[in-house]
Amino acid sequence: NESHAWGIDDVISSAIQMYAKSAEDHDFVDILNQVHGD
């Protein structure tokens, strides 16, 4: 789960995930694609 913009984007994403109850964002896609290869 890569950090972006010195962690600022991560804090914003976490808040969105807590309110929207969804984590299907760009990091979600990246994690799935990484895991698929391994």
Full PDB file with SEQRES, HELIX, SHEET, SSBOND, CRYST1, ORIGX, SCALE, CONECT and MASTER records, all heavy atoms in Angstrom:
SEQRES   1 A   38  ASN GLU SER HIS ALA TRP GLY ILE ASP ASP VAL ILE SER          
SEQRES   2 A   38  SER ALA ILE GLN MET TYR ALA LYS SER ALA GLU ASP HIS          
SEQRES   3 A   38  ASP PHE VAL ASP ILE LEU ASN GLN VAL HIS GLY ASP              
HELIX    1 AA1 ALA A    5  GLY A    7  5                                   3    
HELIX    2 AA2 ILE A    8  ALA A   20  1                                  13    
HELIX    3 AA3 HIS A   26  GLY A   37  1                                  12    
CRYST1    1.000    1.000    1.000  90.00  90.00  90.00 P 1           1          
ORIGX1      1.000000  0.000000  0.000000        0.00000                         
ORIGX2      0.000000  1.000000  0.000000        0.00000                         
ORIGX3      0.000000  0.000000  1.000000        0.00000                         
SCALE1      1.000000  0.000000  0.000000        0.00000                         
SCALE2      0.000000  1.000000  0.000000        0.00000                         
SCALE3      0.000000  0.000000  1.000000        0.00000                         
ATOM      1  N   ASN A   1       0.869  -1.171   0.000  1.00  0.00           N  
ATOM      2  CA  ASN A   1       0.000   0.000   0.000  1.00  0.00           C  
ATOM      3  C   ASN A   1       0.912   1.230   0.000  1.00  0.00           C  
ATOM      4  O   ASN A   1       1.377   1.658   1.041  1.00  0.00           O  
ATOM      5  CB  ASN A   1      -0.896  -0.050   1.246  1.00  0.00           C  
ATOM      6  CG  ASN A   1      -1.687   1.222   1.471  1.00  0.00           C  
ATOM      7  OD1 ASN A   1      -1.951   1.979   0.557  1.00  0.00           O  
ATOM      8  ND2 ASN A   1      -2.067   1.453   2.721  1.00  0.00           N  
ATOM      9  N   GLU A   2       1.166   1.756  -1.175  1.00  0.00           N  
ATOM     10  CA  GLU A   2       2.148   2.834  -1.337  1.00  0.00           C  
ATOM     11  C   GLU A   2       1.654   4.160  -0.765  1.00  0.00           C  
ATOM     12  O   GLU A   2       0.478   4.511  -0.888  1.00  0.00           O  
ATOM     13  CB  GLU A   2       2.455   3.020  -2.829  1.00  0.00           C  
ATOM     14  CG  GLU A   2       3.525   4.032  -3.121  1.00  0.00           C  
ATOM     15  CD  GLU A   2       3.853   4.141  -4.593  1.00  0.00           C  
ATOM     16  OE1 GLU A   2       3.239   3.437  -5.398  1.00  0.00           O  
ATOM     17  OE2 GLU A   2       4.726   4.962  -4.934  1.00  0.00           O  
ATOM     18  N   SER A   3       2.564   4.892  -0.131  1.00  0.00           N  
ATOM     19  CA  SER A   3       2.254   6.240   0.339  1.00  0.00           C  
ATOM     20  C   SER A   3       2.399   7.232  -0.808  1.00  0.00           C  
ATOM     21  O   SER A   3       3.251   7.065  -1.677  1.00  0.00           O  
ATOM     22  CB  SER A   3       3.202   6.649   1.476  1.00  0.00           C  
ATOM     23  OG  SER A   3       2.776   6.102   2.688  1.00  0.00           O  
ATOM     24  N   HIS A   4       1.561   8.262  -0.795  1.00  0.00           N  
ATOM     25  CA  HIS A   4       1.586   9.284  -1.848  1.00  0.00           C  
ATOM     26  C   HIS A   4       1.607  10.665  -1.220  1.00  0.00           C  
ATOM     27  O   HIS A   4       1.007  10.882  -0.164  1.00  0.00           O  
ATOM     28  CB  HIS A   4       0.346   9.156  -2.747  1.00  0.00           C  
ATOM     29  CG  HIS A   4       0.152   7.797  -3.330  1.00  0.00           C  
ATOM     30  ND1 HIS A   4       0.846   7.345  -4.421  1.00  0.00           N  
ATOM     31  CD2 HIS A   4      -0.641   6.766  -2.941  1.00  0.00           C  
ATOM     32  CE1 HIS A   4       0.478   6.105  -4.703  1.00  0.00           C  
ATOM     33  NE2 HIS A   4      -0.425   5.725  -3.823  1.00  0.00           N  
ATOM     34  N   ALA A   5       2.261  11.586  -1.866  1.00  0.00           N  
ATOM     35  CA  ALA A   5       2.287  12.995  -1.454  1.00  0.00           C  
ATOM     36  C   ALA A   5       2.653  13.129   0.019  1.00  0.00           C  
ATOM     37  O   ALA A   5       1.972  13.797   0.788  1.00  0.00           O  
ATOM     38  CB  ALA A   5       0.945  13.667  -1.748  1.00  0.00           C  
ATOM     39  N   TRP A   6       3.763  12.475   0.386  1.00  0.00           N  
ATOM     40  CA  TRP A   6       4.290  12.523   1.749  1.00  0.00           C  
ATOM     41  C   TRP A   6       3.260  12.054   2.788  1.00  0.00           C  
ATOM     42  O   TRP A   6       3.281  12.477   3.931  1.00  0.00           O  
ATOM     43  CB  TRP A   6       4.795  13.924   2.099  1.00  0.00           C  
ATOM     44  CG  TRP A   6       5.822  14.402   1.135  1.00  0.00           C  
ATOM     45  CD1 TRP A   6       7.141  14.065   1.073  1.00  0.00           C  
ATOM     46  CD2 TRP A   6       5.596  15.301   0.051  1.00  0.00           C  
ATOM     47  NE1 TRP A   6       7.755  14.686   0.017  1.00  0.00           N  
ATOM     48  CE2 TRP A   6       6.828  15.460  -0.634  1.00  0.00           C  
ATOM     49  CE3 TRP A   6       4.470  15.975  -0.432  1.00  0.00           C  
ATOM     50  CZ2 TRP A   6       6.949  16.263  -1.765  1.00  0.00           C  
ATOM     51  CZ3 TRP A   6       4.608  16.776  -1.550  1.00  0.00           C  
ATOM     52  CH2 TRP A   6       5.845  16.911  -2.193  1.00  0.00           C  
ATOM     53  N   GLY A   7       2.339  11.190   2.375  1.00  0.00           N  
ATOM     54  CA  GLY A   7       1.329  10.653   3.284  1.00  0.00           C  
ATOM     55  C   GLY A   7       0.043  11.449   3.343  1.00  0.00           C  
ATOM     56  O   GLY A   7      -0.954  10.987   3.910  1.00  0.00           O  
ATOM     57  N   ILE A   8       0.044  12.652   2.750  1.00  0.00           N  
ATOM     58  CA  ILE A   8      -1.166  13.485   2.789  1.00  0.00           C  
ATOM     59  C   ILE A   8      -2.314  12.791   2.067  1.00  0.00           C  
ATOM     60  O   ILE A   8      -3.446  12.738   2.556  1.00  0.00           O  
ATOM     61  CB  ILE A   8      -0.893  14.878   2.174  1.00  0.00           C  
ATOM     62  CG1 ILE A   8       0.152  15.616   3.009  1.00  0.00           C  
ATOM     63  CG2 ILE A   8      -2.178  15.688   2.070  1.00  0.00           C  
ATOM     64  CD1 ILE A   8       0.706  16.862   2.364  1.00  0.00           C  
ATOM     65  N   ASP A   9      -2.017  12.227   0.893  1.00  0.00           N  
ATOM     66  CA  ASP A   9      -3.039  11.511   0.123  1.00  0.00           C  
ATOM     67  C   ASP A   9      -3.562  10.309   0.908  1.00  0.00           C  
ATOM     68  O   ASP A   9      -4.743   9.974   0.843  1.00  0.00           O  
ATOM     69  CB  ASP A   9      -2.461  11.059  -1.218  1.00  0.00           C  
ATOM     70  CG  ASP A   9      -3.482  10.337  -2.067  1.00  0.00           C  
ATOM     71  OD1 ASP A   9      -4.416  10.999  -2.551  1.00  0.00           O  
ATOM     72  OD2 ASP A   9      -3.357   9.104  -2.245  1.00  0.00           O  
ATOM     73  N   ASP A  10      -2.679   9.660   1.678  1.00  0.00           N  
ATOM     74  CA  ASP A  10      -3.087   8.488   2.456  1.00  0.00           C  
ATOM     75  C   ASP A  10      -4.079   8.877   3.555  1.00  0.00           C  
ATOM     76  O   ASP A  10      -5.048   8.159   3.806  1.00  0.00           O  
ATOM     77  CB  ASP A  10      -1.862   7.823   3.097  1.00  0.00           C  
ATOM     78  CG  ASP A  10      -0.816   7.438   2.054  1.00  0.00           C  
ATOM     79  OD1 ASP A  10      -1.207   7.226   0.901  1.00  0.00           O  
ATOM     80  OD2 ASP A  10       0.362   7.362   2.409  1.00  0.00           O  
ATOM     81  N   VAL A  11      -3.818  10.005   4.206  1.00  0.00           N  
ATOM     82  CA  VAL A  11      -4.722  10.476   5.255  1.00  0.00           C  
ATOM     83  C   VAL A  11      -6.090  10.797   4.651  1.00  0.00           C  
ATOM     84  O   VAL A  11      -7.138  10.422   5.195  1.00  0.00           O  
ATOM     85  CB  VAL A  11      -4.139  11.712   5.981  1.00  0.00           C  
ATOM     86  CG1 VAL A  11      -5.151  12.318   6.934  1.00  0.00           C  
ATOM     87  CG2 VAL A  11      -2.855  11.328   6.721  1.00  0.00           C  
ATOM     88  N   ILE A  12      -6.080  11.470   3.500  1.00  0.00           N  
ATOM     89  CA  ILE A  12      -7.330  11.806   2.818  1.00  0.00           C  
ATOM     90  C   ILE A  12      -8.061  10.528   2.399  1.00  0.00           C  
ATOM     91  O   ILE A  12      -9.272  10.393   2.609  1.00  0.00           O  
ATOM     92  CB  ILE A  12      -7.066  12.719   1.603  1.00  0.00           C  
ATOM     93  CG1 ILE A  12      -6.548  14.087   2.073  1.00  0.00           C  
ATOM     94  CG2 ILE A  12      -8.323  12.883   0.754  1.00  0.00           C  
ATOM     95  CD1 ILE A  12      -5.996  14.971   0.968  1.00  0.00           C  
ATOM     96  N   SER A  13      -7.310   9.576   1.818  1.00  0.00           N  
ATOM     97  CA  SER A  13      -7.920   8.306   1.395  1.00  0.00           C  
ATOM     98  C   SER A  13      -8.521   7.563   2.572  1.00  0.00           C  
ATOM     99  O   SER A  13      -9.618   7.001   2.478  1.00  0.00           O  
ATOM    100  CB  SER A  13      -6.882   7.407   0.710  1.00  0.00           C  
ATOM    101  OG  SER A  13      -6.463   7.967  -0.501  1.00  0.00           O  
ATOM    102  N   SER A  14      -7.807   7.548   3.707  1.00  0.00           N  
ATOM    103  CA  SER A  14      -8.320   6.869   4.901  1.00  0.00           C  
ATOM    104  C   SER A  14      -9.624   7.492   5.368  1.00  0.00           C  
ATOM    105  O   SER A  14     -10.568   6.784   5.739  1.00  0.00           O  
ATOM    106  CB  SER A  14      -7.295   6.921   6.030  1.00  0.00           C  
ATOM    107  OG  SER A  14      -6.149   6.189   5.699  1.00  0.00           O  
ATOM    108  N   ALA A  15      -9.678   8.828   5.364  1.00  0.00           N  
ATOM    109  CA  ALA A  15     -10.905   9.516   5.783  1.00  0.00           C  
ATOM    110  C   ALA A  15     -12.052   9.173   4.837  1.00  0.00           C  
ATOM    111  O   ALA A  15     -13.176   8.893   5.289  1.00  0.00           O  
ATOM    112  CB  ALA A  15     -10.672  11.021   5.830  1.00  0.00           C  
ATOM    113  N   ILE A  16     -11.778   9.172   3.548  1.00  0.00           N  
ATOM    114  CA  ILE A  16     -12.813   8.815   2.567  1.00  0.00           C  
ATOM    115  C   ILE A  16     -13.291   7.389   2.812  1.00  0.00           C  
ATOM    116  O   ILE A  16     -14.490   7.096   2.778  1.00  0.00           O  
ATOM    117  CB  ILE A  16     -12.278   8.977   1.123  1.00  0.00           C  
ATOM    118  CG1 ILE A  16     -12.073  10.458   0.809  1.00  0.00           C  
ATOM    119  CG2 ILE A  16     -13.225   8.325   0.108  1.00  0.00           C  
ATOM    120  CD1 ILE A  16     -11.298  10.723  -0.459  1.00  0.00           C  
ATOM    121  N   GLN A  17     -12.352   6.487   3.077  1.00  0.00           N  
ATOM    122  CA  GLN A  17     -12.718   5.089   3.313  1.00  0.00           C  
ATOM    123  C   GLN A  17     -13.575   4.942   4.563  1.00  0.00           C  
ATOM    124  O   GLN A  17     -14.485   4.115   4.609  1.00  0.00           O  
ATOM    125  CB  GLN A  17     -11.444   4.243   3.412  1.00  0.00           C  
ATOM    126  CG  GLN A  17     -10.744   4.108   2.071  1.00  0.00           C  
ATOM    127  CD  GLN A  17      -9.276   3.725   2.192  1.00  0.00           C  
ATOM    128  OE1 GLN A  17      -8.705   3.698   3.272  1.00  0.00           O  
ATOM    129  NE2 GLN A  17      -8.656   3.453   1.052  1.00  0.00           N  
ATOM    130  N   MET A  18     -13.312   5.747   5.586  1.00  0.00           N  
ATOM    131  CA  MET A  18     -14.108   5.674   6.815  1.00  0.00           C  
ATOM    132  C   MET A  18     -15.520   6.197   6.592  1.00  0.00           C  
ATOM    133  O   MET A  18     -16.476   5.682   7.166  1.00  0.00           O  
ATOM    134  CB  MET A  18     -13.427   6.454   7.940  1.00  0.00           C  
ATOM    135  CG  MET A  18     -12.239   5.718   8.525  1.00  0.00           C  
ATOM    136  SD  MET A  18     -11.523   6.569   9.946  1.00  0.00           S  
ATOM    137  CE  MET A  18     -10.428   7.718   9.133  1.00  0.00           C  
ATOM    138  N   TYR A  19     -15.653   7.236   5.756  1.00  0.00           N  
ATOM    139  CA  TYR A  19     -16.978   7.814   5.517  1.00  0.00           C  
ATOM    140  C   TYR A  19     -17.738   7.066   4.427  1.00  0.00           C  
ATOM    141  O   TYR A  19     -18.919   6.763   4.568  1.00  0.00           O  
ATOM    142  CB  TYR A  19     -16.860   9.298   5.152  1.00  0.00           C  
ATOM    143  CG  TYR A  19     -16.628  10.178   6.352  1.00  0.00           C  
ATOM    144  CD1 TYR A  19     -15.343  10.569   6.704  1.00  0.00           C  
ATOM    145  CD2 TYR A  19     -17.684  10.594   7.152  1.00  0.00           C  
ATOM    146  CE1 TYR A  19     -15.115  11.363   7.821  1.00  0.00           C  
ATOM    147  CE2 TYR A  19     -17.469  11.398   8.273  1.00  0.00           C  
ATOM    148  CZ  TYR A  19     -16.179  11.769   8.600  1.00  0.00           C  
ATOM    149  OH  TYR A  19     -15.958  12.548   9.711  1.00  0.00           O  
ATOM    150  N   ALA A  20     -17.056   6.746   3.332  1.00  0.00           N  
ATOM    151  CA  ALA A  20     -17.729   6.103   2.197  1.00  0.00           C  
ATOM    152  C   ALA A  20     -17.829   4.595   2.356  1.00  0.00           C  
ATOM    153  O   ALA A  20     -18.578   3.938   1.643  1.00  0.00           O  
ATOM    154  CB  ALA A  20     -16.983   6.432   0.898  1.00  0.00           C  
ATOM    155  N   LYS A  21     -17.032   4.020   3.287  1.00  0.00           N  
ATOM    156  CA  LYS A  21     -16.988   2.569   3.510  1.00  0.00           C  
ATOM    157  C   LYS A  21     -16.656   1.829   2.220  1.00  0.00           C  
ATOM    158  O   LYS A  21     -17.225   0.790   1.911  1.00  0.00           O  
ATOM    159  CB  LYS A  21     -18.301   2.079   4.113  1.00  0.00           C  
ATOM    160  CG  LYS A  21     -18.584   2.686   5.475  1.00  0.00           C  
ATOM    161  CD  LYS A  21     -19.797   2.089   6.127  1.00  0.00           C  
ATOM    162  CE  LYS A  21     -20.028   2.731   7.480  1.00  0.00           C  
ATOM    163  NZ  LYS A  21     -21.176   2.174   8.179  1.00  0.00           N  
ATOM    164  N   SER A  22     -15.733   2.397   1.467  1.00  0.00           N  
ATOM    165  CA  SER A  22     -15.266   1.771   0.232  1.00  0.00           C  
ATOM    166  C   SER A  22     -13.774   2.037   0.094  1.00  0.00           C  
ATOM    167  O   SER A  22     -13.292   3.109   0.424  1.00  0.00           O  
ATOM    168  CB  SER A  22     -15.997   2.369  -0.976  1.00  0.00           C  
ATOM    169  OG  SER A  22     -15.429   1.874  -2.168  1.00  0.00           O  
ATOM    170  N   ALA A  23     -13.057   1.021  -0.386  1.00  0.00           N  
ATOM    171  CA  ALA A  23     -11.614   1.182  -0.574  1.00  0.00           C  
ATOM    172  C   ALA A  23     -11.207   0.861  -2.003  1.00  0.00           C  
ATOM    173  O   ALA A  23     -10.056   0.549  -2.268  1.00  0.00           O  
ATOM    174  CB  ALA A  23     -10.859   0.282   0.402  1.00  0.00           C  
ATOM    175  N   GLU A  24     -12.142   0.940  -2.922  1.00  0.00           N  
ATOM    176  CA  GLU A  24     -11.825   0.616  -4.313  1.00  0.00           C  
ATOM    177  C   GLU A  24     -11.270   1.847  -5.020  1.00  0.00           C  
ATOM    178  O   GLU A  24     -11.926   2.473  -5.840  1.00  0.00           O  
ATOM    179  CB  GLU A  24     -13.058   0.047  -5.022  1.00  0.00           C  
ATOM    180  CG  GLU A  24     -13.454  -1.302  -4.452  1.00  0.00           C  
ATOM    181  CD  GLU A  24     -14.526  -2.009  -5.257  1.00  0.00           C  
ATOM    182  OE1 GLU A  24     -14.937  -1.480  -6.307  1.00  0.00           O  
ATOM    183  OE2 GLU A  24     -14.961  -3.082  -4.827  1.00  0.00           O  
ATOM    184  N   ASP A  25     -10.023   2.174  -4.677  1.00  0.00           N  
ATOM    185  CA  ASP A  25      -9.358   3.325  -5.265  1.00  0.00           C  
ATOM    186  C   ASP A  25      -8.116   2.867  -6.026  1.00  0.00           C  
ATOM    187  O   ASP A  25      -7.942   1.683  -6.307  1.00  0.00           O  
ATOM    188  CB  ASP A  25      -9.017   4.356  -4.182  1.00  0.00           C  
ATOM    189  CG  ASP A  25      -8.107   3.785  -3.094  1.00  0.00           C  
ATOM    190  OD1 ASP A  25      -7.533   2.694  -3.279  1.00  0.00           O  
ATOM    191  OD2 ASP A  25      -7.954   4.450  -2.042  1.00  0.00           O  
ATOM    192  N   HIS A  26      -7.233   3.798  -6.359  1.00  0.00           N  
ATOM    193  CA  HIS A  26      -6.048   3.465  -7.153  1.00  0.00           C  
ATOM    194  C   HIS A  26      -5.121   2.499  -6.423  1.00  0.00           C  
ATOM    195  O   HIS A  26      -4.524   1.616  -7.043  1.00  0.00           O  
ATOM    196  CB  HIS A  26      -5.295   4.745  -7.563  1.00  0.00           C  
ATOM    197  CG  HIS A  26      -4.873   5.597  -6.394  1.00  0.00           C  
ATOM    198  ND1 HIS A  26      -3.597   5.602  -5.909  1.00  0.00           N  
ATOM    199  CD2 HIS A  26      -5.587   6.445  -5.609  1.00  0.00           C  
ATOM    200  CE1 HIS A  26      -3.527   6.437  -4.878  1.00  0.00           C  
ATOM    201  NE2 HIS A  26      -4.713   6.953  -4.675  1.00  0.00           N  
ATOM    202  N   ASP A  27      -4.989   2.617  -5.098  1.00  0.00           N  
ATOM    203  CA  ASP A  27      -4.131   1.690  -4.356  1.00  0.00           C  
ATOM    204  C   ASP A  27      -4.729   0.285  -4.335  1.00  0.00           C  
ATOM    205  O   ASP A  27      -4.005  -0.707  -4.379  1.00  0.00           O  
ATOM    206  CB  ASP A  27      -3.900   2.189  -2.926  1.00  0.00           C  
ATOM    207  CG  ASP A  27      -2.909   3.345  -2.877  1.00  0.00           C  
ATOM    208  OD1 ASP A  27      -1.910   3.291  -3.617  1.00  0.00           O  
ATOM    209  OD2 ASP A  27      -3.138   4.299  -2.119  1.00  0.00           O  
ATOM    210  N   PHE A  28      -6.042   0.192  -4.262  1.00  0.00           N  
ATOM    211  CA  PHE A  28      -6.740  -1.088  -4.328  1.00  0.00           C  
ATOM    212  C   PHE A  28      -6.386  -1.818  -5.625  1.00  0.00           C  
ATOM    213  O   PHE A  28      -6.047  -3.000  -5.627  1.00  0.00           O  
ATOM    214  CB  PHE A  28      -8.248  -0.831  -4.223  1.00  0.00           C  
ATOM    215  CG  PHE A  28      -9.119  -2.026  -4.475  1.00  0.00           C  
ATOM    216  CD1 PHE A  28      -9.215  -3.052  -3.545  1.00  0.00           C  
ATOM    217  CD2 PHE A  28      -9.880  -2.110  -5.631  1.00  0.00           C  
ATOM    218  CE1 PHE A  28     -10.038  -4.145  -3.763  1.00  0.00           C  
ATOM    219  CE2 PHE A  28     -10.707  -3.196  -5.855  1.00  0.00           C  
ATOM    220  CZ  PHE A  28     -10.788  -4.218  -4.920  1.00  0.00           C  
ATOM    221  N   VAL A  29      -6.437  -1.088  -6.727  1.00  0.00           N  
ATOM    222  CA  VAL A  29      -6.089  -1.658  -8.036  1.00  0.00           C  
ATOM    223  C   VAL A  29      -4.630  -2.102  -8.047  1.00  0.00           C  
ATOM    224  O   VAL A  29      -4.300  -3.213  -8.483  1.00  0.00           O  
ATOM    225  CB  VAL A  29      -6.352  -0.635  -9.169  1.00  0.00           C  
ATOM    226  CG1 VAL A  29      -5.859  -1.171 -10.505  1.00  0.00           C  
ATOM    227  CG2 VAL A  29      -7.825  -0.289  -9.245  1.00  0.00           C  
ATOM    228  N   ASP A  30      -3.746  -1.244  -7.537  1.00  0.00           N  
ATOM    229  CA  ASP A  30      -2.313  -1.565  -7.511  1.00  0.00           C  
ATOM    230  C   ASP A  30      -2.028  -2.812  -6.673  1.00  0.00           C  
ATOM    231  O   ASP A  30      -1.247  -3.675  -7.072  1.00  0.00           O  
ATOM    232  CB  ASP A  30      -1.504  -0.389  -6.955  1.00  0.00           C  
ATOM    233  CG  ASP A  30      -1.463   0.796  -7.902  1.00  0.00           C  
ATOM    234  OD1 ASP A  30      -1.809   0.631  -9.089  1.00  0.00           O  
ATOM    235  OD2 ASP A  30      -1.101   1.902  -7.443  1.00  0.00           O  
ATOM    236  N   ILE A  31      -2.663  -2.909  -5.507  1.00  0.00           N  
ATOM    237  CA  ILE A  31      -2.438  -4.055  -4.627  1.00  0.00           C  
ATOM    238  C   ILE A  31      -2.911  -5.341  -5.297  1.00  0.00           C  
ATOM    239  O   ILE A  31      -2.205  -6.356  -5.290  1.00  0.00           O  
ATOM    240  CB  ILE A  31      -3.132  -3.849  -3.262  1.00  0.00           C  
ATOM    241  CG1 ILE A  31      -2.454  -2.713  -2.491  1.00  0.00           C  
ATOM    242  CG2 ILE A  31      -3.107  -5.139  -2.442  1.00  0.00           C  
ATOM    243  CD1 ILE A  31      -3.250  -2.209  -1.290  1.00  0.00           C  
ATOM    244  N   LEU A  32      -4.087  -5.304  -5.905  1.00  0.00           N  
ATOM    245  CA  LEU A  32      -4.593  -6.504  -6.589  1.00  0.00           C  
ATOM    246  C   LEU A  32      -3.655  -6.945  -7.708  1.00  0.00           C  
ATOM    247  O   LEU A  32      -3.388  -8.139  -7.873  1.00  0.00           O  
ATOM    248  CB  LEU A  32      -5.979  -6.241  -7.164  1.00  0.00           C  
ATOM    249  CG  LEU A  32      -7.159  -6.648  -6.300  1.00  0.00           C  
ATOM    250  CD1 LEU A  32      -8.465  -6.291  -6.992  1.00  0.00           C  
ATOM    251  CD2 LEU A  32      -7.137  -8.129  -5.970  1.00  0.00           C  
ATOM    252  N   ASN A  33      -3.156  -5.999  -8.473  1.00  0.00           N  
ATOM    253  CA  ASN A  33      -2.256  -6.354  -9.575  1.00  0.00           C  
ATOM    254  C   ASN A  33      -0.922  -6.895  -9.070  1.00  0.00           C  
ATOM    255  O   ASN A  33      -0.359  -7.809  -9.661  1.00  0.00           O  
ATOM    256  CB  ASN A  33      -2.069  -5.166 -10.517  1.00  0.00           C  
ATOM    257  CG  ASN A  33      -3.272  -4.956 -11.405  1.00  0.00           C  
ATOM    258  OD1 ASN A  33      -3.867  -5.904 -11.903  1.00  0.00           O  
ATOM    259  ND2 ASN A  33      -3.656  -3.709 -11.593  1.00  0.00           N  
ATOM    260  N   GLN A  34      -0.404  -6.358  -7.975  1.00  0.00           N  
ATOM    261  CA  GLN A  34       0.828  -6.897  -7.372  1.00  0.00           C  
ATOM    262  C   GLN A  34       0.622  -8.325  -6.912  1.00  0.00           C  
ATOM    263  O   GLN A  34       1.417  -9.212  -7.193  1.00  0.00           O  
ATOM    264  CB  GLN A  34       1.193  -6.118  -6.104  1.00  0.00           C  
ATOM    265  CG  GLN A  34       1.731  -4.743  -6.247  1.00  0.00           C  
ATOM    266  CD  GLN A  34       1.778  -4.126  -4.855  1.00  0.00           C  
ATOM    267  OE1 GLN A  34       2.273  -4.735  -3.922  1.00  0.00           O  
ATOM    268  NE2 GLN A  34       1.258  -2.922  -4.725  1.00  0.00           N  
ATOM    269  N   VAL A  35      -0.459  -8.541  -6.168  1.00  0.00           N  
ATOM    270  CA  VAL A  35      -0.745  -9.848  -5.591  1.00  0.00           C  
ATOM    271  C   VAL A  35      -0.940 -10.886  -6.686  1.00  0.00           C  
ATOM    272  O   VAL A  35      -0.490 -12.028  -6.569  1.00  0.00           O  
ATOM    273  CB  VAL A  35      -1.987  -9.759  -4.663  1.00  0.00           C  
ATOM    274  CG1 VAL A  35      -2.471 -11.129  -4.261  1.00  0.00           C  
ATOM    275  CG2 VAL A  35      -1.663  -8.916  -3.442  1.00  0.00           C  
ATOM    276  N   HIS A  36      -1.584 -10.476  -7.758  1.00  0.00           N  
ATOM    277  CA  HIS A  36      -1.813 -11.395  -8.874  1.00  0.00           C  
ATOM    278  C   HIS A  36      -0.505 -11.992  -9.385  1.00  0.00           C  
ATOM    279  O   HIS A  36      -0.429 -13.175  -9.681  1.00  0.00           O  
ATOM    280  CB  HIS A  36      -2.526 -10.658 -10.014  1.00  0.00           C  
ATOM    281  CG  HIS A  36      -2.583 -11.427 -11.289  1.00  0.00           C  
ATOM    282  ND1 HIS A  36      -3.255 -12.626 -11.411  1.00  0.00           N  
ATOM    283  CD2 HIS A  36      -2.019 -11.192 -12.498  1.00  0.00           C  
ATOM    284  CE1 HIS A  36      -3.117 -13.072 -12.643  1.00  0.00           C  
ATOM    285  NE2 HIS A  36      -2.370 -12.231 -13.319  1.00  0.00           N  
ATOM    286  N   GLY A  37       0.527 -11.184  -9.436  1.00  0.00           N  
ATOM    287  CA  GLY A  37       1.810 -11.669  -9.940  1.00  0.00           C  
ATOM    288  C   GLY A  37       2.545 -12.593  -8.977  1.00  0.00           C  
ATOM    289  O   GLY A  37       3.350 -13.425  -9.396  1.00  0.00           O  
ATOM    290  N   ASP A  38       2.263 -12.469  -7.677  1.00  0.00           N  
ATOM    291  CA  ASP A  38       3.000 -13.235  -6.661  1.00  0.00           C  
ATOM    292  C   ASP A  38       2.232 -14.412  -6.076  1.00  0.00           C  
ATOM    293  O   ASP A  38       2.818 -15.270  -5.431  1.00  0.00           O  
ATOM    294  CB  ASP A  38       3.405 -12.314  -5.503  1.00  0.00           C  
ATOM    295  CG  ASP A  38       4.395 -11.245  -5.938  1.00  0.00           C  
ATOM    296  OD1 ASP A  38       5.119 -11.479  -6.918  1.00  0.00           O  
ATOM    297  OD2 ASP A  38       4.440 -10.178  -5.297  1.00  0.00           O  
TER     298      ASP A  38                                                      
MASTER        0    0    0    3    0    0    0    6  297    1    0    3          
END                                                                             
